[in-house]
Amino acid sequence: MKSHERSTKKRTGGRRRPIRKKRKHQLGSSPTETRVGDEKLKVVDTRGGNAKVRAIEAATATVADDGETTAADIENVAENPSNPNYVRRNIITKGAIIETSAGRARVTSRPGQDGQVNAVAVDE
């Protein structure tokens, strides 16, 4: 289980003894790696009775170009500055450059957190 608690290692490499056991507010989760494919969403309960919509797979993106927005089909991931392996695996994250039916676009939303892909057209 992922946790956001203090590390058990010191800067020097020595051991730091845990203060207590894990707590509910320290819960973490593995990242949602949104892939290119048929639309597939997942609703996750979050802290405070709220919910997040995670995009497991995305097929369309809302692309903004000079103030006009259009719904475009996602073809593949062209570049991803966060991780070069994501390009090979067609994983969409914020900042990724995607190939769409409306041309190349840079993703501005967080699909693993919002459940949708919003992008801005990129000049080639």
Protein backbone atom coordinates (compact mmCIF):
# COMPACT_ATOMS: atom_id res chain seq x y z
CA MET A 1 0.00 0.00 0.00
CA LYS A 2 1.29 3.46 -0.94
CA SER A 3 1.66 5.93 1.88
CA HIS A 4 2.65 9.59 2.27
CA GLU A 5 4.39 9.12 5.59
CA ARG A 6 7.90 10.15 6.60
CA SER A 7 10.70 8.12 5.03
CA THR A 8 12.38 5.46 7.18
CA LYS A 9 15.77 6.43 5.72
CA LYS A 10 17.86 9.41 6.81
CA ARG A 11 19.73 11.64 4.35
CA THR A 12 22.92 9.89 5.43
CA GLY A 13 21.48 6.46 4.65
CA GLY A 14 20.92 5.59 8.29
CA ARG A 15 17.68 4.16 9.66
CA ARG A 16 14.92 6.33 11.14
CA ARG A 17 12.50 4.52 13.40
CA PRO A 18 8.77 4.97 12.58
CA ILE A 19 6.80 7.31 14.86
CA ARG A 20 3.58 5.28 14.56
CA LYS A 21 1.65 2.97 12.24
CA LYS A 22 0.06 4.13 9.00
CA ARG A 23 -2.93 6.44 9.19
CA LYS A 24 -5.90 6.88 6.85
CA HIS A 25 -4.95 10.49 6.00
CA GLN A 26 -1.51 9.29 4.81
CA LEU A 27 -3.03 7.00 2.18
CA GLY A 28 -1.63 7.28 -1.33
CA SER A 29 -2.38 5.54 -4.63
CA SER A 30 -0.45 4.54 -7.71
CA PRO A 31 -0.69 6.92 -10.70
CA THR A 32 -3.43 6.45 -13.27
CA GLU A 33 -1.62 5.98 -16.56
CA THR A 34 -4.25 7.08 -19.08
CA ARG A 35 -3.85 5.24 -22.38
CA VAL A 36 -5.10 5.94 -25.89
CA GLY A 37 -8.10 3.71 -26.60
CA ASP A 38 -11.87 3.42 -26.19
CA GLU A 39 -13.32 5.77 -23.57
CA LYS A 40 -13.06 4.13 -20.13
CA LEU A 41 -13.62 6.07 -16.88
CA LYS A 42 -13.38 5.07 -13.22
CA VAL A 43 -14.87 6.95 -10.26
CA VAL A 44 -12.72 6.92 -7.11
CA ASP A 45 -13.86 8.05 -3.65
CA THR A 46 -11.55 10.66 -2.15
CA ARG A 47 -11.14 12.41 1.16
CA GLY A 48 -14.05 14.48 2.47
CA GLY A 49 -16.77 12.49 0.69
CA ASN A 50 -15.68 13.80 -2.69
CA ALA A 51 -14.97 11.82 -5.85
CA LYS A 52 -12.43 11.91 -8.66
CA VAL A 53 -13.07 10.66 -12.17
CA ARG A 54 -10.01 8.85 -13.51
CA ALA A 55 -9.63 8.32 -17.26
CA ILE A 56 -8.27 4.79 -17.73
CA GLU A 57 -8.47 5.14 -21.53
CA ALA A 58 -9.27 8.20 -23.65
CA ALA A 59 -10.37 8.44 -27.28
CA THR A 60 -11.21 12.12 -27.73
CA ALA A 61 -9.65 15.43 -26.72
CA THR A 62 -11.05 18.94 -26.58
CA VAL A 63 -8.54 20.99 -28.59
CA ALA A 64 -8.43 24.79 -28.29
CA ASP A 65 -7.02 26.73 -31.24
CA ASP A 66 -7.16 30.56 -31.32
CA GLY A 67 -10.15 30.74 -28.99
CA GLU A 68 -12.14 28.01 -30.77
CA THR A 69 -12.55 24.55 -29.30
CA THR A 70 -13.20 21.35 -31.21
CA ALA A 71 -13.58 17.72 -30.21
CA ALA A 72 -10.83 15.72 -31.93
CA ASP A 73 -9.98 12.03 -32.00
CA ILE A 74 -6.68 11.09 -30.34
CA GLU A 75 -4.45 9.07 -32.67
CA ASN A 76 -1.30 8.59 -30.58
CA VAL A 77 1.22 10.22 -28.23
CA ALA A 78 4.02 12.04 -30.11
CA GLU A 79 6.14 13.37 -27.20
CA ASN A 80 6.04 13.23 -23.43
CA PRO A 81 8.59 15.31 -21.48
CA SER A 82 7.75 13.59 -18.18
CA ASN A 83 8.82 10.13 -19.37
CA PRO A 84 10.09 8.98 -22.79
CA ASN A 85 8.73 5.48 -22.14
CA TYR A 86 5.19 6.93 -22.06
CA VAL A 87 5.46 7.69 -25.80
CA ARG A 88 6.07 4.03 -26.59
CA ARG A 89 3.23 2.94 -24.31
CA ASN A 90 0.82 5.69 -25.57
CA ILE A 91 0.27 7.11 -22.07
CA ILE A 92 -1.27 10.59 -21.82
CA THR A 93 -0.22 12.95 -19.02
CA LYS A 94 -0.32 16.73 -18.58
CA GLY A 95 2.22 18.33 -20.93
CA ALA A 96 2.23 15.42 -23.40
CA ILE A 97 2.13 16.24 -27.13
CA ILE A 98 -0.59 14.18 -28.80
CA GLU A 99 -1.46 13.58 -32.46
CA THR A 100 -5.15 14.33 -33.05
CA SER A 101 -7.45 14.59 -36.04
CA ALA A 102 -7.12 18.39 -35.61
CA GLY A 103 -3.29 18.26 -35.63
CA ARG A 104 -0.71 18.18 -32.86
CA ALA A 105 -1.77 19.43 -29.43
CA ARG A 106 -0.29 19.77 -25.93
CA VAL A 107 -2.37 18.33 -23.06
CA THR A 108 -3.29 20.93 -20.42
CA SER A 109 -5.58 18.83 -18.20
CA ARG A 110 -4.69 15.93 -15.91
CA PRO A 111 -6.61 12.94 -17.35
CA GLY A 112 -5.81 10.69 -14.38
CA GLN A 113 -7.37 13.29 -12.04
CA ASP A 114 -10.13 15.00 -14.12
CA GLY A 115 -11.22 12.17 -16.42
CA GLN A 116 -10.97 14.28 -19.58
CA VAL A 117 -8.32 15.37 -22.05
CA ASN A 118 -8.11 19.10 -22.78
CA ALA A 119 -5.38 20.34 -25.09
CA VAL A 120 -4.04 23.40 -26.87
CA ALA A 121 -3.01 23.25 -30.54
CA VAL A 122 0.75 23.38 -31.13
CA ASP A 123 2.38 25.13 -34.11
CA GLU A 124 4.57 22.71 -36.05
